[in-house]
PDB file of N, CA and C in Angstrom:
ATOM      1  N   MET A   1     130.580  95.908 116.580  1.00  0.00           N
ATOM      2  CA  MET A   1     129.862  95.972 115.496  1.00  0.00           C
ATOM      3  C   MET A   1     129.445  94.463 115.288  1.00  0.00           C
ATOM      4  N   ALA A   2     131.117  93.821 115.186  1.00  0.00           N
ATOM      5  CA  ALA A   2     130.861  92.350 114.775  1.00  0.00           C
ATOM      6  C   ALA A   2     130.681  91.427 116.130  1.00  0.00           C
ATOM      7  N   ASN A   3     130.808  92.355 117.218  1.00  0.00           N
ATOM      8  CA  ASN A   3     130.142  91.537 118.414  1.00  0.00           C
ATOM      9  C   ASN A   3     128.361  91.501 118.568  1.00  0.00           C
ATOM     10  N   MET A   4     127.756  92.520 118.315  1.00  0.00           N
ATOM     11  CA  MET A   4     126.287  92.999 118.036  1.00  0.00           C
ATOM     12  C   MET A   4     126.212  91.768 117.275  1.00  0.00           C
ATOM     13  N   SER A   5     126.477  91.351 116.043  1.00  0.00           N
ATOM     14  CA  SER A   5     126.110  90.406 114.750  1.00  0.00           C
ATOM     15  C   SER A   5     126.464  89.238 115.602  1.00  0.00           C
ATOM     16  N   ALA A   6     127.398  88.750 116.092  1.00  0.00           N
ATOM     17  CA  ALA A   6     127.509  87.723 117.018  1.00  0.00           C
ATOM     18  C   ALA A   6     126.680  87.316 117.838  1.00  0.00           C
ATOM     19  N   GLU A   7     126.306  88.146 118.474  1.00  0.00           N
ATOM     20  CA  GLU A   7     125.221  87.978 119.762  1.00  0.00           C
ATOM     21  C   GLU A   7     123.272  87.601 118.821  1.00  0.00           C
ATOM     22  N   LYS A   8     123.318  88.793 117.917  1.00  0.00           N
ATOM     23  CA  LYS A   8     122.004  88.254 117.144  1.00  0.00           C
ATOM     24  C   LYS A   8     122.091  86.810 116.321  1.00  0.00           C
ATOM     25  N   SER A   9     123.150  85.941 115.947  1.00  0.00           N
ATOM     26  CA  SER A   9     123.089  85.010 115.535  1.00  0.00           C
ATOM     27  C   SER A   9     123.502  83.914 116.229  1.00  0.00           C
ATOM     28  N   VAL A  10     123.987  84.345 117.355  1.00  0.00           N
ATOM     29  CA  VAL A  10     123.325  83.213 118.953  1.00  0.00           C
ATOM     30  C   VAL A  10     122.146  83.011 119.115  1.00  0.00           C
ATOM     31  N   GLY A  11     121.487  84.112 119.054  1.00  0.00           N
ATOM     32  CA  GLY A  11     120.055  84.909 119.721  1.00  0.00           C
ATOM     33  C   GLY A  11     119.306  84.152 118.832  1.00  0.00           C
ATOM     34  N   THR A  12     119.325  83.954 116.999  1.00  0.00           N
ATOM     35  CA  THR A  12     118.735  83.634 116.350  1.00  0.00           C
ATOM     36  C   THR A  12     118.829  82.331 116.219  1.00  0.00           C
ATOM     37  N   THR A  13     120.180  81.548 116.519  1.00  0.00           N
ATOM     38  CA  THR A  13     120.143  79.962 116.524  1.00  0.00           C
ATOM     39  C   THR A  13     119.701  79.271 117.854  1.00  0.00           C
ATOM     40  N   LEU A  14     119.680  80.300 119.059  1.00  0.00           N
ATOM     41  CA  LEU A  14     119.120  79.486 120.244  1.00  0.00           C
ATOM     42  C   LEU A  14     117.420  79.571 119.898  1.00  0.00           C
ATOM     43  N   ASP A  15     116.962  80.499 119.088  1.00  0.00           N
ATOM     44  CA  ASP A  15     115.456  80.613 118.692  1.00  0.00           C
ATOM     45  C   ASP A  15     115.024  79.751 118.010  1.00  0.00           C
ATOM     46  N   TRP A  16     115.680  79.151 116.867  1.00  0.00           N
ATOM     47  CA  TRP A  16     115.577  78.023 116.248  1.00  0.00           C
ATOM     48  C   TRP A  16     115.280  76.952 116.768  1.00  0.00           C
ATOM     49  N   LEU A  17     116.579  76.537 117.871  1.00  0.00           N
ATOM     50  CA  LEU A  17     116.268  75.734 118.760  1.00  0.00           C
ATOM     51  C   LEU A  17     115.179  75.343 119.615  1.00  0.00           C
ATOM     52  N   LYS A  18     114.396  76.796 120.004  1.00  0.00           N
ATOM     53  CA  LYS A  18     113.594  76.536 121.025  1.00  0.00           C
ATOM     54  C   LYS A  18     112.556  76.175 119.976  1.00  0.00           C
ATOM     55  N   TRP A  19     112.311  76.907 118.831  1.00  0.00           N
ATOM     56  CA  TRP A  19     111.024  76.499 117.716  1.00  0.00           C
ATOM     57  C   TRP A  19     111.042  75.036 117.709  1.00  0.00           C
ATOM     58  N   SER A  20     112.338  74.442 116.984  1.00  0.00           N
ATOM     59  CA  SER A  20     112.430  72.654 117.140  1.00  0.00           C
ATOM     60  C   SER A  20     112.072  72.193 118.560  1.00  0.00           C
ATOM     61  N   ILE A  21     112.229  72.693 119.763  1.00  0.00           N
ATOM     62  CA  ILE A  21     111.586  71.664 120.862  1.00  0.00           C
ATOM     63  C   ILE A  21     110.296  71.798 120.582  1.00  0.00           C
ATOM     64  N   VAL A  22     109.863  73.227 120.402  1.00  0.00           N
ATOM     65  CA  VAL A  22     108.123  73.701 120.459  1.00  0.00           C
ATOM     66  C   VAL A  22     107.564  72.550 119.591  1.00  0.00           C
ATOM     67  N   VAL A  23     108.184  72.102 118.394  1.00  0.00           N
ATOM     68  CA  VAL A  23     107.478  71.213 117.162  1.00  0.00           C
ATOM     69  C   VAL A  23     107.633  69.887 117.530  1.00  0.00           C
ATOM     70  N   ALA A  24     108.598  69.420 118.017  1.00  0.00           N
ATOM     71  CA  ALA A  24     108.834  68.486 118.777  1.00  0.00           C
ATOM     72  C   ALA A  24     107.696  67.905 119.904  1.00  0.00           C
ATOM     73  N   LEU A  25     108.036  68.993 120.895  1.00  0.00           N
ATOM     74  CA  LEU A  25     106.342  68.688 121.920  1.00  0.00           C
ATOM     75  C   LEU A  25     105.206  68.443 121.248  1.00  0.00           C
ATOM     76  N   LEU A  26     104.809  69.509 120.525  1.00  0.00           N
ATOM     77  CA  LEU A  26     103.565  69.458 119.672  1.00  0.00           C
ATOM     78  C   LEU A  26     103.303  67.859 119.014  1.00  0.00           C
ATOM     79  N   ALA A  27     104.372  67.775 118.059  1.00  0.00           N
ATOM     80  CA  ALA A  27     104.263  66.151 117.682  1.00  0.00           C
ATOM     81  C   ALA A  27     104.510  65.332 118.410  1.00  0.00           C
ATOM     82  N   ALA A  28     105.164  65.322 119.392  1.00  0.00           N
ATOM     83  CA  ALA A  28     104.903  63.875 120.289  1.00  0.00           C
ATOM     84  C   ALA A  28     103.395  64.065 121.332  1.00  0.00           C
ATOM     85  N   GLY A  29     103.231  65.105 121.331  1.00  0.00           N
ATOM     86  CA  GLY A  29     101.688  65.189 121.689  1.00  0.00           C
ATOM     87  C   GLY A  29     100.630  64.331 120.720  1.00  0.00           C
ATOM     88  N   VAL A  30     100.774  64.801 119.532  1.00  0.00           N
ATOM     89  CA  VAL A  30      99.617  64.131 118.612  1.00  0.00           C
ATOM     90  C   VAL A  30      99.932  62.604 118.229  1.00  0.00           C
ATOM     91  N   VAL A  31     101.572  62.204 118.340  1.00  0.00           N
ATOM     92  CA  VAL A  31     101.930  61.080 117.805  1.00  0.00           C
ATOM     93  C   VAL A  31     101.539  59.934 119.325  1.00  0.00           C
ATOM     94  N   GLY A  32     101.621  60.642 120.344  1.00  0.00           N
ATOM     95  CA  GLY A  32     101.396  60.051 121.900  1.00  0.00           C
ATOM     96  C   GLY A  32      99.957  60.172 121.786  1.00  0.00           C
ATOM     97  N   ASN A  33      98.966  61.131 121.509  1.00  0.00           N
ATOM     98  CA  ASN A  33      97.434  60.715 121.436  1.00  0.00           C
ATOM     99  C   ASN A  33      97.256  59.713 120.949  1.00  0.00           C
ATOM    100  N   TRP A  34      97.855  59.062 119.725  1.00  0.00           N
ATOM    101  CA  TRP A  34      97.467  58.059 118.704  1.00  0.00           C
ATOM    102  C   TRP A  34      98.019  56.927 118.825  1.00  0.00           C
ATOM    103  N   TYR A  35      99.412  56.716 119.591  1.00  0.00           N
ATOM    104  CA  TYR A  35      99.705  55.642 120.465  1.00  0.00           C
ATOM    105  C   TYR A  35      99.185  54.981 121.416  1.00  0.00           C
ATOM    106  N   PHE A  36      98.547  56.180 122.707  1.00  0.00           N
ATOM    107  CA  PHE A  36      97.956  55.376 123.657  1.00  0.00           C
ATOM    108  C   PHE A  36      96.582  55.621 123.373  1.00  0.00           C
ATOM    109  N   GLN A  37      95.957  55.424 122.275  1.00  0.00           N
ATOM    110  CA  GLN A  37      94.238  55.790 122.266  1.00  0.00           C
ATOM    111  C   GLN A  37      93.800  54.612 123.426  1.00  0.00           C
ATOM    112  N   GLU A  38      94.760  53.578 123.456  1.00  0.00           N
ATOM    113  CA  GLU A  38      93.581  52.324 124.722  1.00  0.00           C
ATOM    114  C   GLU A  38      93.550  53.379 126.525  1.00  0.00           C
ATOM    115  N   VAL A  39      93.988  54.537 126.465  1.00  0.00           N
ATOM    116  CA  VAL A  39      94.722  55.147 127.798  1.00  0.00           C
ATOM    117  C   VAL A  39      93.167  56.018 127.836  1.00  0.00           C
ATOM    118  N   SER A  40      92.688  56.338 128.961  1.00  0.00           N
ATOM    119  CA  SER A  40      91.617  56.942 129.149  1.00  0.00           C
ATOM    120  C   SER A  40      92.020  58.336 128.458  1.00  0.00           C
ATOM    121  N   LEU A  41      90.542  59.221 128.025  1.00  0.00           N
ATOM    122  CA  LEU A  41      90.720  60.217 127.258  1.00  0.00           C
ATOM    123  C   LEU A  41      90.908  61.244 128.436  1.00  0.00           C
ATOM    124  N   LEU A  42      90.735  61.690 129.520  1.00  0.00           N
ATOM    125  CA  LEU A  42      91.067  62.326 130.210  1.00  0.00           C
ATOM    126  C   LEU A  42      92.624  62.549 130.514  1.00  0.00           C
ATOM    127  N   ILE A  43      93.223  61.074 130.896  1.00  0.00           N
ATOM    128  CA  ILE A  43      94.524  61.072 130.772  1.00  0.00           C
ATOM    129  C   ILE A  43      95.324  61.956 129.543  1.00  0.00           C
ATOM    130  N   ARG A  44      94.897  61.301 128.247  1.00  0.00           N
ATOM    131  CA  ARG A  44      95.449  61.871 126.904  1.00  0.00           C
ATOM    132  C   ARG A  44      95.231  63.451 126.953  1.00  0.00           C
ATOM    133  N   VAL A  45      94.144  63.950 127.221  1.00  0.00           N
ATOM    134  CA  VAL A  45      93.906  65.457 127.159  1.00  0.00           C
ATOM    135  C   VAL A  45      94.778  66.040 128.054  1.00  0.00           C
ATOM    136  N   ALA A  46      94.953  65.864 129.288  1.00  0.00           N
ATOM    137  CA  ALA A  46      95.971  66.303 130.245  1.00  0.00           C
ATOM    138  C   ALA A  46      97.365  66.172 129.563  1.00  0.00           C
ATOM    139  N   ALA A  47      97.741  65.205 129.095  1.00  0.00           N
ATOM    140  CA  ALA A  47      98.981  65.224 128.645  1.00  0.00           C
ATOM    141  C   ALA A  47      99.370  66.159 127.519  1.00  0.00           C
ATOM    142  N   ILE A  48      98.127  66.222 126.822  1.00  0.00           N
ATOM    143  CA  ILE A  48      98.371  66.938 125.832  1.00  0.00           C
ATOM    144  C   ILE A  48      98.163  68.440 126.023  1.00  0.00           C
ATOM    145  N   LEU A  49      97.354  68.860 127.066  1.00  0.00           N
ATOM    146  CA  LEU A  49      97.552  70.018 127.415  1.00  0.00           C
ATOM    147  C   LEU A  49      98.697  70.363 128.223  1.00  0.00           C
ATOM    148  N   ALA A  50      99.532  69.687 128.652  1.00  0.00           N
ATOM    149  CA  ALA A  50     100.783  69.720 129.495  1.00  0.00           C
ATOM    150  C   ALA A  50     101.722  70.119 128.546  1.00  0.00           C
ATOM    151  N   ALA A  51     101.612  69.069 127.129  1.00  0.00           N
ATOM    152  CA  ALA A  51     102.756  69.587 125.995  1.00  0.00           C
ATOM    153  C   ALA A  51     102.443  70.822 125.386  1.00  0.00           C
ATOM    154  N   ALA A  52     101.277  71.238 124.951  1.00  0.00           N
ATOM    155  CA  ALA A  52     101.117  72.207 124.679  1.00  0.00           C
ATOM    156  C   ALA A  52     101.215  73.633 125.857  1.00  0.00           C
ATOM    157  N   THR A  53     101.228  73.478 126.889  1.00  0.00           N
ATOM    158  CA  THR A  53     101.465  74.684 127.985  1.00  0.00           C
ATOM    159  C   THR A  53     103.414  74.448 127.643  1.00  0.00           C
ATOM    160  N   ALA A  54     103.898  73.369 128.116  1.00  0.00           N
ATOM    161  CA  ALA A  54     105.192  73.388 127.857  1.00  0.00           C
ATOM    162  C   ALA A  54     105.795  74.133 126.298  1.00  0.00           C
ATOM    163  N   ALA A  55     105.034  73.853 125.442  1.00  0.00           N
ATOM    164  CA  ALA A  55     105.678  74.279 123.946  1.00  0.00           C
ATOM    165  C   ALA A  55     105.231  75.792 124.025  1.00  0.00           C
ATOM    166  N   GLY A  56     104.076  76.074 124.673  1.00  0.00           N
ATOM    167  CA  GLY A  56     103.901  77.396 124.647  1.00  0.00           C
ATOM    168  C   GLY A  56     104.617  78.582 125.616  1.00  0.00           C
ATOM    169  N   LEU A  57     104.944  78.288 126.246  1.00  0.00           N
ATOM    170  CA  LEU A  57     106.107  78.641 127.439  1.00  0.00           C
ATOM    171  C   LEU A  57     107.114  78.932 126.712  1.00  0.00           C
ATOM    172  N   ILE A  58     107.528  77.663 125.994  1.00  0.00           N
ATOM    173  CA  ILE A  58     109.174  77.835 125.252  1.00  0.00           C
ATOM    174  C   ILE A  58     109.092  78.936 123.975  1.00  0.00           C
ATOM    175  N   ALA A  59     107.936  78.595 123.498  1.00  0.00           N
ATOM    176  CA  ALA A  59     107.661  79.516 122.439  1.00  0.00           C
ATOM    177  C   ALA A  59     107.705  81.215 122.571  1.00  0.00           C
ATOM    178  N   VAL A  60     107.348  81.685 123.957  1.00  0.00           N
ATOM    179  CA  VAL A  60     107.288  83.001 124.345  1.00  0.00           C
ATOM    180  C   VAL A  60     108.363  83.405 124.841  1.00  0.00           C
ATOM    181  N   GLN A  61     109.587  82.779 125.158  1.00  0.00           N
ATOM    182  CA  GLN A  61     111.129  82.889 125.444  1.00  0.00           C
ATOM    183  C   GLN A  61     111.835  83.537 124.118  1.00  0.00           C
ATOM    184  N   THR A  62     111.123  83.373 122.594  1.00  0.00           N
ATOM    185  CA  THR A  62     111.756  83.532 121.605  1.00  0.00           C
ATOM    186  C   THR A  62     111.470  84.777 121.094  1.00  0.00           C
ATOM    187  N   GLU A  63     111.993  85.433 120.122  1.00  0.00           N
ATOM    188  CA  GLU A  63     112.053  87.145 119.596  1.00  0.00           C
ATOM    189  C   GLU A  63     110.106  86.865 119.192  1.00  0.00           C
ATOM    190  N   ARG A  64     109.881  86.258 118.198  1.00  0.00           N
ATOM    191  CA  ARG A  64     108.839  85.865 117.529  1.00  0.00           C
ATOM    192  C   ARG A  64     107.831  85.719 118.639  1.00  0.00           C
ATOM    193  N   GLY A  65     107.885  84.623 119.427  1.00  0.00           N
ATOM    194  CA  GLY A  65     106.739  84.209 120.416  1.00  0.00           C
ATOM    195  C   GLY A  65     106.677  85.457 121.587  1.00  0.00           C
ATOM    196  N   GLN A  66     107.423  86.297 121.627  1.00  0.00           N
ATOM    197  CA  GLN A  66     107.574  87.531 122.629  1.00  0.00           C
ATOM    198  C   GLN A  66     106.581  88.511 121.848  1.00  0.00           C
ATOM    199  N   GLY A  67     106.816  88.765 120.301  1.00  0.00           N
ATOM    200  CA  GLY A  67     105.956  89.699 119.731  1.00  0.00           C
ATOM    201  C   GLY A  67     104.674  89.273 119.604  1.00  0.00           C
ATOM    202  N   ILE A  68     104.420  88.201 119.198  1.00  0.00           N
ATOM    203  CA  ILE A  68     103.181  87.362 119.480  1.00  0.00           C
ATOM    204  C   ILE A  68     101.981  87.789 120.368  1.00  0.00           C
ATOM    205  N   TRP A  69     102.922  87.398 121.946  1.00  0.00           N
ATOM    206  CA  TRP A  69     102.121  87.713 122.951  1.00  0.00           C
ATOM    207  C   TRP A  69     102.011  89.042 123.184  1.00  0.00           C
ATOM    208  N   THR A  70     102.508  90.035 122.696  1.00  0.00           N
ATOM    209  CA  THR A  70     102.492  91.563 122.585  1.00  0.00           C
ATOM    210  C   THR A  70     101.388  91.818 122.028  1.00  0.00           C
ATOM    211  N   LEU A  71     100.898  91.078 120.695  1.00  0.00           N
ATOM    212  CA  LEU A  71      99.859  91.600 120.008  1.00  0.00           C
ATOM    213  C   LEU A  71      98.602  90.701 120.604  1.00  0.00           C
ATOM    214  N   ILE A  72      98.632  89.900 121.401  1.00  0.00           N
ATOM    215  CA  ILE A  72      97.739  89.171 122.074  1.00  0.00           C
ATOM    216  C   ILE A  72      97.256  89.697 123.124  1.00  0.00           C
ATOM    217  N   LYS A  73      97.948  90.968 124.023  1.00  0.00           N
ATOM    218  CA  LYS A  73      97.711  91.891 124.754  1.00  0.00           C
ATOM    219  C   LYS A  73      97.247  92.888 124.111  1.00  0.00           C
ATOM    220  N   GLU A  74      97.507  93.315 123.210  1.00  0.00           N
ATOM    221  CA  GLU A  74      97.118  94.566 122.750  1.00  0.00           C
ATOM    222  C   GLU A  74      95.907  94.284 121.912  1.00  0.00           C
ATOM    223  N   ALA A  75      95.571  93.265 121.837  1.00  0.00           N
ATOM    224  CA  ALA A  75      94.230  93.376 120.918  1.00  0.00           C
ATOM    225  C   ALA A  75      93.399  92.893 121.872  1.00  0.00           C
ATOM    226  N   ARG A  76      93.528  92.538 123.058  1.00  0.00           N
ATOM    227  CA  ARG A  76      92.607  92.177 124.516  1.00  0.00           C
ATOM    228  C   ARG A  76      92.382  93.781 124.581  1.00  0.00           C
ATOM    229  N   THR A  77      93.315  94.383 125.069  1.00  0.00           N
ATOM    230  CA  THR A  77      93.093  95.756 125.346  1.00  0.00           C
ATOM    231  C   THR A  77      91.642  96.529 124.361  1.00  0.00           C
ATOM    232  N   GLU A  78      92.393  96.194 123.016  1.00  0.00           N
ATOM    233  CA  GLU A  78      91.621  96.699 122.278  1.00  0.00           C
ATOM    234  C   GLU A  78      89.904  96.329 122.202  1.00  0.00           C
ATOM    235  N   ILE A  79      89.673  95.037 122.540  1.00  0.00           N
ATOM    236  CA  ILE A  79      88.652  94.580 122.369  1.00  0.00           C
ATOM    237  C   ILE A  79      87.935  95.057 123.693  1.00  0.00           C
ATOM    238  N   ARG A  80      88.447  95.334 124.720  1.00  0.00           N
ATOM    239  CA  ARG A  80      87.958  96.141 125.916  1.00  0.00           C
ATOM    240  C   ARG A  80      87.318  97.459 125.738  1.00  0.00           C
ATOM    241  N   ARG A  81      87.859  97.985 124.346  1.00  0.00           N
ATOM    242  CA  ARG A  81      87.344  99.655 124.316  1.00  0.00           C
ATOM    243  C   ARG A  81      86.183  99.455 123.393  1.00  0.00           C
ATOM    244  N   VAL A  82      85.984  98.316 122.817  1.00  0.00           N
ATOM    245  CA  VAL A  82      84.908  98.624 121.875  1.00  0.00           C
ATOM    246  C   VAL A  82      83.625  98.643 122.770  1.00  0.00           C
ATOM    247  N   VAL A  83      82.793  99.695 122.078  1.00  0.00           N
ATOM    248  CA  VAL A  83      81.413  99.980 122.421  1.00  0.00           C
ATOM    249  C   VAL A  83      80.372  98.790 121.700  1.00  0.00           C
ATOM    250  N   TRP A  84      80.075  98.042 122.474  1.00  0.00           N
ATOM    251  CA  TRP A  84      79.161  97.125 121.878  1.00  0.00           C
ATOM    252  C   TRP A  84      77.773  97.335 121.920  1.00  0.00           C
ATOM    253  N   PRO A  85      76.879  96.981 120.766  1.00  0.00           N
ATOM    254  CA  PRO A  85      75.475  97.760 120.783  1.00  0.00           C
ATOM    255  C   PRO A  85      74.842  96.909 121.839  1.00  0.00           C
ATOM    256  N   THR A  86      73.764  97.616 122.092  1.00  0.00           N
ATOM    257  CA  THR A  86      72.537  96.787 123.072  1.00  0.00           C
ATOM    258  C   THR A  86      71.821  95.733 122.407  1.00  0.00           C
ATOM    259  N   ASN A  87      71.169  95.184 122.970  1.00  0.00           N
ATOM    260  CA  ASN A  87      70.284  94.301 122.098  1.00  0.00           C
ATOM    261  C   ASN A  87      69.011  95.392 121.476  1.00  0.00           C
ATOM    262  N   GLN A  88      68.628  96.405 121.860  1.00  0.00           N
ATOM    263  CA  GLN A  88      67.547  96.994 121.427  1.00  0.00           C
ATOM    264  C   GLN A  88      68.155  97.673 119.880  1.00  0.00           C
ATOM    265  N   GLU A  89      69.636  98.360 119.997  1.00  0.00           N
ATOM    266  CA  GLU A  89      70.313  98.437 118.904  1.00  0.00           C
ATOM    267  C   GLU A  89      70.142  97.440 117.980  1.00  0.00           C
ATOM    268  N   THR A  90      70.560  96.402 118.223  1.00  0.00           N
ATOM    269  CA  THR A  90      71.132  95.186 117.450  1.00  0.00           C
ATOM    270  C   THR A  90      69.419  95.047 116.828  1.00  0.00           C
ATOM    271  N   THR A  91      68.171  94.884 117.351  1.00  0.00           N
ATOM    272  CA  THR A  91      67.292  94.383 116.842  1.00  0.00           C
ATOM    273  C   THR A  91      66.664  95.200 115.919  1.00  0.00           C
ATOM    274  N   GLN A  92      67.057  96.846 116.457  1.00  0.00           N
ATOM    275  CA  GLN A  92      66.303  97.564 115.526  1.00  0.00           C
ATOM    276  C   GLN A  92      67.243  97.816 114.061  1.00  0.00           C
ATOM    277  N   THR A  93      68.644  97.505 114.132  1.00  0.00           N
ATOM    278  CA  THR A  93      69.437  97.407 113.232  1.00  0.00           C
ATOM    279  C   THR A  93      69.394  96.085 111.925  1.00  0.00           C
ATOM    280  N   THR A  94      68.819  95.338 112.566  1.00  0.00           N
ATOM    281  CA  THR A  94      68.358  94.112 111.907  1.00  0.00           C
ATOM    282  C   THR A  94      67.140  94.016 111.350  1.00  0.00           C
ATOM    283  N   LEU A  95      66.130  94.457 112.056  1.00  0.00           N
ATOM    284  CA  LEU A  95      65.156  95.005 111.016  1.00  0.00           C
ATOM    285  C   LEU A  95      65.024  95.856 110.288  1.00  0.00           C
ATOM    286  N   VAL A  96      65.783  96.966 110.308  1.00  0.00           N
ATOM    287  CA  VAL A  96      66.023  98.112 108.930  1.00  0.00           C
ATOM    288  C   VAL A  96      66.623  97.118 108.042  1.00  0.00           C
ATOM    289  N   VAL A  97      67.609  96.566 108.243  1.00  0.00           N
ATOM    290  CA  VAL A  97      68.344  95.802 107.140  1.00  0.00           C
ATOM    291  C   VAL A  97      67.256  94.988 106.572  1.00  0.00           C
ATOM    292  N   LEU A  98      66.251  94.080 107.070  1.00  0.00           N
ATOM    293  CA  LEU A  98      65.162  93.422 106.376  1.00  0.00           C
ATOM    294  C   LEU A  98      64.418  93.936 105.750  1.00  0.00           C
ATOM    295  N   LEU A  99      64.252  94.976 106.171  1.00  0.00           N
ATOM    296  CA  LEU A  99      63.360  95.956 105.334  1.00  0.00           C
ATOM    297  C   LEU A  99      63.590  96.561 104.255  1.00  0.00           C
ATOM    298  N   ILE A 100      65.232  96.798 104.117  1.00  0.00           N
ATOM    299  CA  ILE A 100      66.075  97.395 102.729  1.00  0.00           C
ATOM    300  C   ILE A 100      66.022  96.161 102.237  1.00  0.00           C
ATOM    301  N   VAL A 101      66.197  95.000 102.598  1.00  0.00           N
ATOM    302  CA  VAL A 101      66.233  93.943 101.699  1.00  0.00           C
ATOM    303  C   VAL A 101      65.044  93.672 100.632  1.00  0.00           C
ATOM    304  N   LEU A 102      64.152  93.533 101.380  1.00  0.00           N
ATOM    305  CA  LEU A 102      62.696  93.330 101.139  1.00  0.00           C
ATOM    306  C   LEU A 102      62.305  94.323  99.887  1.00  0.00           C
ATOM    307  N   ILE A 103      62.661  95.653 100.492  1.00  0.00           N
ATOM    308  CA  ILE A 103      62.421  96.478  99.441  1.00  0.00           C
ATOM    309  C   ILE A 103      63.377  96.352  97.739  1.00  0.00           C
ATOM    310  N   PHE A 104      64.293  96.525  98.333  1.00  0.00           N
ATOM    311  CA  PHE A 104      65.355  95.742  96.974  1.00  0.00           C
ATOM    312  C   PHE A 104      64.770  94.690  96.229  1.00  0.00           C
ATOM    313  N   ALA A 105      64.607  93.875  97.248  1.00  0.00           N
ATOM    314  CA  ALA A 105      63.733  92.206  95.913  1.00  0.00           C
ATOM    315  C   ALA A 105      62.684  92.825  95.454  1.00  0.00           C
ATOM    316  N   LEU A 106      61.585  93.746  96.204  1.00  0.00           N
ATOM    317  CA  LEU A 106      60.363  93.984  95.466  1.00  0.00           C
ATOM    318  C   LEU A 106      60.792  94.796  94.185  1.00  0.00           C
ATOM    319  N   ILE A 107      61.687  95.491  94.154  1.00  0.00           N
ATOM    320  CA  ILE A 107      62.122  96.306  92.988  1.00  0.00           C
ATOM    321  C   ILE A 107      62.695  95.427  92.172  1.00  0.00           C
ATOM    322  N   LEU A 108      63.618  94.671  92.387  1.00  0.00           N
ATOM    323  CA  LEU A 108      63.942  93.640  91.453  1.00  0.00           C
ATOM    324  C   LEU A 108      63.180  92.722  90.788  1.00  0.00           C
ATOM    325  N   TRP A 109      61.923  92.323  91.664  1.00  0.00           N
ATOM    326  CA  TRP A 109      61.147  91.467  90.754  1.00  0.00           C
ATOM    327  C   TRP A 109      60.084  92.396  90.164  1.00  0.00           C
ATOM    328  N   GLY A 110      59.951  93.497  89.898  1.00  0.00           N
ATOM    329  CA  GLY A 110      59.081  94.191  89.538  1.00  0.00           C
ATOM    330  C   GLY A 110      60.142  94.779  87.763  1.00  0.00           C
ATOM    331  N   LEU A 111      61.000  95.044  88.191  1.00  0.00           N
ATOM    332  CA  LEU A 111      61.953  95.030  86.961  1.00  0.00           C
ATOM    333  C   LEU A 111      62.091  94.114  86.135  1.00  0.00           C
ATOM    334  N   ASP A 112      62.321  92.831  86.987  1.00  0.00           N
ATOM    335  CA  ASP A 112      62.656  91.541  86.165  1.00  0.00           C
ATOM    336  C   ASP A 112      61.065  91.331  85.347  1.00  0.00           C
ATOM    337  N   SER A 113      60.232  91.203  85.854  1.00  0.00           N
ATOM    338  CA  SER A 113      58.844  91.458  85.230  1.00  0.00           C
ATOM    339  C   SER A 113      58.495  92.331  84.066  1.00  0.00           C
ATOM    340  N   LEU A 114      58.511  93.654  84.344  1.00  0.00           N
ATOM    341  CA  LEU A 114      58.971  94.534  83.472  1.00  0.00           C
ATOM    342  C   LEU A 114      59.675  94.140  82.147  1.00  0.00           C
ATOM    343  N   LEU A 115      61.065  93.818  82.180  1.00  0.00           N
ATOM    344  CA  LEU A 115      61.747  93.365  81.097  1.00  0.00           C
ATOM    345  C   LEU A 115      61.563  92.341  80.371  1.00  0.00           C
ATOM    346  N   SER A 116      60.954  91.266  81.342  1.00  0.00           N
ATOM    347  CA  SER A 116      60.262  90.024  80.704  1.00  0.00           C
ATOM    348  C   SER A 116      58.776  90.533  79.484  1.00  0.00           C
ATOM    349  N   TRP A 117      58.305  91.184  79.984  1.00  0.00           N
ATOM    350  CA  TRP A 117      56.946  91.620  79.579  1.00  0.00           C
ATOM    351  C   TRP A 117      57.476  91.932  78.184  1.00  0.00           C
ATOM    352  N   ILE A 118      58.811  92.910  78.377  1.00  0.00           N
ATOM    353  CA  ILE A 118      58.845  94.050  77.308  1.00  0.00           C
ATOM    354  C   ILE A 118      59.517  92.821  75.867  1.00  0.00           C
ATOM    355  N   VAL A 119      60.578  92.178  76.709  1.00  0.00           N
ATOM    356  CA  VAL A 119      61.230  90.902  75.622  1.00  0.00           C
ATOM    357  C   VAL A 119      60.191  90.337  74.963  1.00  0.00           C
ATOM    358  N   SER A 120      59.184  89.775  75.717  1.00  0.00           N
ATOM    359  CA  SER A 120      57.917  88.921  74.948  1.00  0.00           C
ATOM    360  C   SER A 120      57.121  89.492  74.379  1.00  0.00           C
ATOM    361  N   SER A 121      56.735  90.928  74.727  1.00  0.00           N
ATOM    362  CA  SER A 121      56.072  91.492  73.438  1.00  0.00           C
ATOM    363  C   SER A 121      56.677  91.841  72.303  1.00  0.00           C
ATOM    364  N   ILE A 122      58.111  91.673  72.146  1.00  0.00           N
ATOM    365  CA  ILE A 122      58.979  92.066  71.207  1.00  0.00           C
ATOM    366  C   ILE A 122      59.031  90.858  70.052  1.00  0.00           C
ATOM    367  N   ILE A 123      59.398  89.561  70.918  1.00  0.00           N
ATOM    368  CA  ILE A 123      59.310  88.111  70.441  1.00  0.00           C
ATOM    369  C   ILE A 123      58.123  87.760  69.870  1.00  0.00           C
ATOM    370  N   GLY A 124      57.012  88.142  70.999  1.00  0.00           N
ATOM    371  CA  GLY A 124      56.116  87.516  70.470  1.00  0.00           C
ATOM    372  C   GLY A 124      55.199  86.478  69.895  1.00  0.00           C
TER     373      GLY A 124
END
């Protein structure tokens, strides 16, 4: 029992170390981009992408990183299952919504006019 707790503690310590390296890499990318402003934009973008890739690869090695990666893969699978509407269905739905909005706008305009007429008749 104590051995499992020690292993969990070591894993947590290593995760914090890995996350510290990730933060340091990302901070180095931001500071480096600012410091080397005179260098070509292409080179700076490539350096930032390299730092971000290294940070991502290190982050995925942690427990939370693996959980996030699993979530991303599952979300991608769910997106593939979605049945997207056709262009015709989208157009028809949009027209129905516009028609209903127009009808309700006319109803509210009529109600507002009626109430204004009643109030002006009373106040007079």
